[in-house]
Amino acid sequence: SPMQRLVAEWLAERARFVGSLIGLTDEQFNSETAPNQWTYRVVAKHVLTLERESLKTIAADRAARAGDG
């Protein structure tokens, strides 16, 4: 289904993202991605926060739809 494909793509991208962070030293993780840009740590925190909030929104939407039926 389209939803299953979307979830599979999300999981694959998430795995690639996490994989790109594996092996970084603390110094690298805390360094900027480019001059005057976010650090890798801030990027990771932002991505994980966005993911968490997105999952909450999806769960709330599904619960609301289940209540309608």
PDB file of N, CA and C in Angstrom:
ATOM      1  N   SER A   1       0.844  -1.187   0.000  1.00  0.00           N
ATOM      2  CA  SER A   1       0.000   0.000   0.000  1.00  0.00           C
ATOM      3  C   SER A   1       0.888   1.249   0.000  1.00  0.00           C
ATOM      4  N   PRO A   2       0.325   2.373  -0.347  1.00  0.00           N
ATOM      5  CA  PRO A   2       1.117   3.619  -0.309  1.00  0.00           C
ATOM      6  C   PRO A   2       1.671   3.916   1.089  1.00  0.00           C
ATOM      7  N   MET A   3       0.878   3.646   2.138  1.00  0.00           N
ATOM      8  CA  MET A   3       1.356   3.898   3.501  1.00  0.00           C
ATOM      9  C   MET A   3       2.522   2.977   3.854  1.00  0.00           C
ATOM     10  N   GLN A   4       2.433   1.729   3.467  1.00  0.00           N
ATOM     11  CA  GLN A   4       3.530   0.797   3.743  1.00  0.00           C
ATOM     12  C   GLN A   4       4.799   1.218   3.015  1.00  0.00           C
ATOM     13  N   ARG A   5       4.650   1.682   1.799  1.00  0.00           N
ATOM     14  CA  ARG A   5       5.807   2.148   1.029  1.00  0.00           C
ATOM     15  C   ARG A   5       6.416   3.378   1.685  1.00  0.00           C
ATOM     16  N   LEU A   6       5.567   4.302   2.147  1.00  0.00           N
ATOM     17  CA  LEU A   6       6.043   5.503   2.823  1.00  0.00           C
ATOM     18  C   LEU A   6       6.797   5.147   4.105  1.00  0.00           C
ATOM     19  N   VAL A   7       6.253   4.241   4.894  1.00  0.00           N
ATOM     20  CA  VAL A   7       6.911   3.819   6.133  1.00  0.00           C
ATOM     21  C   VAL A   7       8.237   3.133   5.819  1.00  0.00           C
ATOM     22  N   ALA A   8       8.263   2.306   4.797  1.00  0.00           N
ATOM     23  CA  ALA A   8       9.510   1.632   4.412  1.00  0.00           C
ATOM     24  C   ALA A   8      10.572   2.644   3.982  1.00  0.00           C
ATOM     25  N   GLU A   9      10.172   3.648   3.215  1.00  0.00           N
ATOM     26  CA  GLU A   9      11.119   4.686   2.789  1.00  0.00           C
ATOM     27  C   GLU A   9      11.607   5.488   3.986  1.00  0.00           C
ATOM     28  N   TRP A  10      10.710   5.813   4.908  1.00  0.00           N
ATOM     29  CA  TRP A  10      11.084   6.545   6.117  1.00  0.00           C
ATOM     30  C   TRP A  10      12.102   5.752   6.933  1.00  0.00           C
ATOM     31  N   LEU A  11      11.837   4.459   7.126  1.00  0.00           N
ATOM     32  CA  LEU A  11      12.756   3.624   7.905  1.00  0.00           C
ATOM     33  C   LEU A  11      14.118   3.502   7.223  1.00  0.00           C
ATOM     34  N   ALA A  12      14.123   3.394   5.905  1.00  0.00           N
ATOM     35  CA  ALA A  12      15.390   3.310   5.177  1.00  0.00           C
ATOM     36  C   ALA A  12      16.187   4.604   5.323  1.00  0.00           C
ATOM     37  N   GLU A  13      15.515   5.746   5.192  1.00  0.00           N
ATOM     38  CA  GLU A  13      16.198   7.036   5.344  1.00  0.00           C
ATOM     39  C   GLU A  13      16.681   7.227   6.773  1.00  0.00           C
ATOM     40  N   ARG A  14      15.885   6.810   7.731  1.00  0.00           N
ATOM     41  CA  ARG A  14      16.278   6.917   9.141  1.00  0.00           C
ATOM     42  C   ARG A  14      17.528   6.086   9.391  1.00  0.00           C
ATOM     43  N   ALA A  15      17.563   4.887   8.854  1.00  0.00           N
ATOM     44  CA  ALA A  15      18.734   4.018   9.019  1.00  0.00           C
ATOM     45  C   ALA A  15      19.971   4.647   8.382  1.00  0.00           C
ATOM     46  N   ARG A  16      19.811   5.249   7.202  1.00  0.00           N
ATOM     47  CA  ARG A  16      20.940   5.926   6.554  1.00  0.00           C
ATOM     48  C   ARG A  16      21.430   7.096   7.405  1.00  0.00           C
ATOM     49  N   PHE A  17      20.492   7.859   7.961  1.00  0.00           N
ATOM     50  CA  PHE A  17      20.851   9.001   8.794  1.00  0.00           C
ATOM     51  C   PHE A  17      21.630   8.541  10.019  1.00  0.00           C
ATOM     52  N   VAL A  18      21.086   7.590  10.735  1.00  0.00           N
ATOM     53  CA  VAL A  18      21.759   7.089  11.936  1.00  0.00           C
ATOM     54  C   VAL A  18      23.115   6.488  11.557  1.00  0.00           C
ATOM     55  N   GLY A  19      23.158   5.772  10.452  1.00  0.00           N
ATOM     56  CA  GLY A  19      24.417   5.187   9.997  1.00  0.00           C
ATOM     57  C   GLY A  19      25.478   6.231   9.715  1.00  0.00           C
ATOM     58  N   SER A  20      25.046   7.400   9.246  1.00  0.00           N
ATOM     59  CA  SER A  20      26.014   8.458   8.948  1.00  0.00           C
ATOM     60  C   SER A  20      26.624   9.046  10.216  1.00  0.00           C
ATOM     61  N   LEU A  21      25.969   8.860  11.349  1.00  0.00           N
ATOM     62  CA  LEU A  21      26.467   9.385  12.620  1.00  0.00           C
ATOM     63  C   LEU A  21      27.356   8.393  13.367  1.00  0.00           C
ATOM     64  N   ILE A  22      27.214   7.123  13.029  1.00  0.00           N
ATOM     65  CA  ILE A  22      27.992   6.091  13.709  1.00  0.00           C
ATOM     66  C   ILE A  22      29.470   6.290  13.409  1.00  0.00           C
ATOM     67  N   GLY A  23      30.254   6.228  14.450  1.00  0.00           N
ATOM     68  CA  GLY A  23      31.690   6.362  14.295  1.00  0.00           C
ATOM     69  C   GLY A  23      32.218   7.767  14.482  1.00  0.00           C
ATOM     70  N   LEU A  24      31.310   8.757  14.559  1.00  0.00           N
ATOM     71  CA  LEU A  24      31.769  10.115  14.813  1.00  0.00           C
ATOM     72  C   LEU A  24      32.295  10.208  16.246  1.00  0.00           C
ATOM     73  N   THR A  25      33.385  10.908  16.418  1.00  0.00           N
ATOM     74  CA  THR A  25      33.870  11.175  17.767  1.00  0.00           C
ATOM     75  C   THR A  25      32.987  12.252  18.386  1.00  0.00           C
ATOM     76  N   ASP A  26      33.100  12.448  19.693  1.00  0.00           N
ATOM     77  CA  ASP A  26      32.337  13.521  20.335  1.00  0.00           C
ATOM     78  C   ASP A  26      32.698  14.868  19.713  1.00  0.00           C
ATOM     79  N   GLU A  27      33.967  15.047  19.419  1.00  0.00           N
ATOM     80  CA  GLU A  27      34.403  16.313  18.810  1.00  0.00           C
ATOM     81  C   GLU A  27      33.746  16.512  17.449  1.00  0.00           C
ATOM     82  N   GLN A  28      33.705  15.469  16.641  1.00  0.00           N
ATOM     83  CA  GLN A  28      33.058  15.572  15.326  1.00  0.00           C
ATOM     84  C   GLN A  28      31.565  15.798  15.477  1.00  0.00           C
ATOM     85  N   PHE A  29      30.927  15.073  16.403  1.00  0.00           N
ATOM     86  CA  PHE A  29      29.485  15.167  16.606  1.00  0.00           C
ATOM     87  C   PHE A  29      29.090  16.574  17.053  1.00  0.00           C
ATOM     88  N   ASN A  30      29.989  17.226  17.782  1.00  0.00           N
ATOM     89  CA  ASN A  30      29.718  18.569  18.274  1.00  0.00           C
ATOM     90  C   ASN A  30      30.233  19.666  17.354  1.00  0.00           C
ATOM     91  N   SER A  31      30.788  19.282  16.200  1.00  0.00           N
ATOM     92  CA  SER A  31      31.288  20.288  15.263  1.00  0.00           C
ATOM     93  C   SER A  31      30.175  20.714  14.314  1.00  0.00           C
ATOM     94  N   GLU A  32      30.357  21.887  13.719  1.00  0.00           N
ATOM     95  CA  GLU A  32      29.364  22.416  12.788  1.00  0.00           C
ATOM     96  C   GLU A  32      29.410  21.637  11.478  1.00  0.00           C
ATOM     97  N   THR A  33      28.256  21.497  10.864  1.00  0.00           N
ATOM     98  CA  THR A  33      28.171  20.798   9.578  1.00  0.00           C
ATOM     99  C   THR A  33      28.833  21.609   8.469  1.00  0.00           C
ATOM    100  N   ALA A  34      28.868  22.899   8.655  1.00  0.00           N
ATOM    101  CA  ALA A  34      29.534  23.862   7.766  1.00  0.00           C
ATOM    102  C   ALA A  34      29.765  25.109   8.611  1.00  0.00           C
ATOM    103  N   PRO A  35      30.650  26.000   8.193  1.00  0.00           N
ATOM    104  CA  PRO A  35      30.886  27.196   9.000  1.00  0.00           C
ATOM    105  C   PRO A  35      29.590  27.947   9.329  1.00  0.00           C
ATOM    106  N   ASN A  36      29.438  28.252  10.602  1.00  0.00           N
ATOM    107  CA  ASN A  36      28.268  29.000  11.108  1.00  0.00           C
ATOM    108  C   ASN A  36      26.944  28.263  10.893  1.00  0.00           C
ATOM    109  N   GLN A  37      26.994  26.952  10.858  1.00  0.00           N
ATOM    110  CA  GLN A  37      25.778  26.143  10.702  1.00  0.00           C
ATOM    111  C   GLN A  37      25.578  25.292  11.948  1.00  0.00           C
ATOM    112  N   TRP A  38      24.474  24.540  11.982  1.00  0.00           N
ATOM    113  CA  TRP A  38      24.167  23.666  13.105  1.00  0.00           C
ATOM    114  C   TRP A  38      25.254  22.612  13.266  1.00  0.00           C
ATOM    115  N   THR A  39      25.398  22.121  14.511  1.00  0.00           N
ATOM    116  CA  THR A  39      26.299  20.994  14.742  1.00  0.00           C
ATOM    117  C   THR A  39      25.557  19.703  14.368  1.00  0.00           C
ATOM    118  N   TYR A  40      26.329  18.649  14.205  1.00  0.00           N
ATOM    119  CA  TYR A  40      25.703  17.353  13.915  1.00  0.00           C
ATOM    120  C   TYR A  40      24.778  16.950  15.063  1.00  0.00           C
ATOM    121  N   ARG A  41      25.173  17.265  16.294  1.00  0.00           N
ATOM    122  CA  ARG A  41      24.337  16.947  17.457  1.00  0.00           C
ATOM    123  C   ARG A  41      22.992  17.669  17.366  1.00  0.00           C
ATOM    124  N   VAL A  42      23.002  18.946  17.013  1.00  0.00           N
ATOM    125  CA  VAL A  42      21.762  19.719  16.909  1.00  0.00           C
ATOM    126  C   VAL A  42      20.900  19.186  15.765  1.00  0.00           C
ATOM    127  N   VAL A  43      21.529  18.839  14.658  1.00  0.00           N
ATOM    128  CA  VAL A  43      20.777  18.264  13.532  1.00  0.00           C
ATOM    129  C   VAL A  43      20.099  16.971  13.975  1.00  0.00           C
ATOM    130  N   ALA A  44      20.845  16.096  14.652  1.00  0.00           N
ATOM    131  CA  ALA A  44      20.275  14.820  15.105  1.00  0.00           C
ATOM    132  C   ALA A  44      19.112  15.058  16.063  1.00  0.00           C
ATOM    133  N   LYS A  45      19.295  15.976  17.007  1.00  0.00           N
ATOM    134  CA  LYS A  45      18.217  16.267  17.957  1.00  0.00           C
ATOM    135  C   LYS A  45      16.993  16.819  17.236  1.00  0.00           C
ATOM    136  N   HIS A  46      17.207  17.700  16.278  1.00  0.00           N
ATOM    137  CA  HIS A  46      16.105  18.277  15.510  1.00  0.00           C
ATOM    138  C   HIS A  46      15.347  17.184  14.741  1.00  0.00           C
ATOM    139  N   VAL A  47      16.075  16.321  14.074  1.00  0.00           N
ATOM    140  CA  VAL A  47      15.452  15.249  13.293  1.00  0.00           C
ATOM    141  C   VAL A  47      14.645  14.328  14.208  1.00  0.00           C
ATOM    142  N   LEU A  48      15.219  13.953  15.344  1.00  0.00           N
ATOM    143  CA  LEU A  48      14.517  13.047  16.254  1.00  0.00           C
ATOM    144  C   LEU A  48      13.287  13.711  16.882  1.00  0.00           C
ATOM    145  N   THR A  49      13.379  15.002  17.193  1.00  0.00           N
ATOM    146  CA  THR A  49      12.221  15.722  17.725  1.00  0.00           C
ATOM    147  C   THR A  49      11.109  15.809  16.684  1.00  0.00           C
ATOM    148  N   LEU A  50      11.484  16.137  15.456  1.00  0.00           N
ATOM    149  CA  LEU A  50      10.504  16.207  14.369  1.00  0.00           C
ATOM    150  C   LEU A  50       9.847  14.847  14.156  1.00  0.00           C
ATOM    151  N   GLU A  51      10.645  13.788  14.185  1.00  0.00           N
ATOM    152  CA  GLU A  51      10.108  12.441  14.027  1.00  0.00           C
ATOM    153  C   GLU A  51       9.126  12.115  15.147  1.00  0.00           C
ATOM    154  N   ARG A  52       9.491  12.412  16.374  1.00  0.00           N
ATOM    155  CA  ARG A  52       8.622  12.132  17.518  1.00  0.00           C
ATOM    156  C   ARG A  52       7.300  12.884  17.386  1.00  0.00           C
ATOM    157  N   GLU A  53       7.370  14.154  17.048  1.00  0.00           N
ATOM    158  CA  GLU A  53       6.157  14.956  16.900  1.00  0.00           C
ATOM    159  C   GLU A  53       5.298  14.465  15.732  1.00  0.00           C
ATOM    160  N   SER A  54       5.940  14.049  14.660  1.00  0.00           N
ATOM    161  CA  SER A  54       5.202  13.512  13.507  1.00  0.00           C
ATOM    162  C   SER A  54       4.470  12.230  13.888  1.00  0.00           C
ATOM    163  N   LEU A  55       5.130  11.370  14.642  1.00  0.00           N
ATOM    164  CA  LEU A  55       4.487  10.124  15.066  1.00  0.00           C
ATOM    165  C   LEU A  55       3.317  10.395  16.010  1.00  0.00           C
ATOM    166  N   LYS A  56       3.456  11.392  16.884  1.00  0.00           N
ATOM    167  CA  LYS A  56       2.340  11.763  17.759  1.00  0.00           C
ATOM    168  C   LYS A  56       1.160  12.253  16.936  1.00  0.00           C
ATOM    169  N   THR A  57       1.432  13.053  15.917  1.00  0.00           N
ATOM    170  CA  THR A  57       0.373  13.582  15.057  1.00  0.00           C
ATOM    171  C   THR A  57      -0.323  12.446  14.312  1.00  0.00           C
ATOM    172  N   ILE A  58       0.449  11.514  13.802  1.00  0.00           N
ATOM    173  CA  ILE A  58      -0.121  10.369  13.083  1.00  0.00           C
ATOM    174  C   ILE A  58      -0.983   9.544  14.027  1.00  0.00           C
ATOM    175  N   ALA A  59      -0.482   9.284  15.238  1.00  0.00           N
ATOM    176  CA  ALA A  59      -1.249   8.494  16.210  1.00  0.00           C
ATOM    177  C   ALA A  59      -2.548   9.200  16.581  1.00  0.00           C
ATOM    178  N   ALA A  60      -2.489  10.507  16.779  1.00  0.00           N
ATOM    179  CA  ALA A  60      -3.705  11.251  17.125  1.00  0.00           C
ATOM    180  C   ALA A  60      -4.698  11.217  15.978  1.00  0.00           C
ATOM    181  N   ASP A  61      -4.205  11.341  14.757  1.00  0.00           N
ATOM    182  CA  ASP A  61      -5.088  11.285  13.586  1.00  0.00           C
ATOM    183  C   ASP A  61      -5.746   9.927  13.466  1.00  0.00           C
ATOM    184  N   ARG A  62      -4.959   8.879  13.674  1.00  0.00           N
ATOM    185  CA  ARG A  62      -5.525   7.525  13.591  1.00  0.00           C
ATOM    186  C   ARG A  62      -6.562   7.302  14.678  1.00  0.00           C
ATOM    187  N   ALA A  63      -6.283   7.802  15.891  1.00  0.00           N
ATOM    188  CA  ALA A  63      -7.250   7.648  16.991  1.00  0.00           C
ATOM    189  C   ALA A  63      -8.536   8.404  16.683  1.00  0.00           C
ATOM    190  N   ALA A  64      -8.407   9.592  16.128  1.00  0.00           N
ATOM    191  CA  ALA A  64      -9.589  10.375  15.767  1.00  0.00           C
ATOM    192  C   ALA A  64     -10.395   9.671  14.695  1.00  0.00           C
ATOM    193  N   ARG A  65      -9.713   9.098  13.716  1.00  0.00           N
ATOM    194  CA  ARG A  65     -10.429   8.378  12.653  1.00  0.00           C
ATOM    195  C   ARG A  65     -11.125   7.131  13.206  1.00  0.00           C
ATOM    196  N   ALA A  66     -10.473   6.447  14.135  1.00  0.00           N
ATOM    197  CA  ALA A  66     -11.083   5.256  14.734  1.00  0.00           C
ATOM    198  C   ALA A  66     -12.324   5.632  15.545  1.00  0.00           C
ATOM    199  N   GLY A  67     -12.294   6.810  16.159  1.00  0.00           N
ATOM    200  CA  GLY A  67     -13.442   7.282  16.924  1.00  0.00           C
ATOM    201  C   GLY A  67     -14.608   7.688  16.064  1.00  0.00           C
ATOM    202  N   ASP A  68     -14.331   8.034  14.798  1.00  0.00           N
ATOM    203  CA  ASP A  68     -15.394   8.446  13.880  1.00  0.00           C
ATOM    204  C   ASP A  68     -16.195   7.260  13.348  1.00  0.00           C
ATOM    205  N   GLY A  69     -15.593   6.089  13.418  1.00  0.00           N
ATOM    206  CA  GLY A  69     -16.236   4.958  12.769  1.00  0.00           C
ATOM    207  C   GLY A  69     -17.021   4.122  13.634  1.00  0.00           C
TER     208      GLY A  69
END
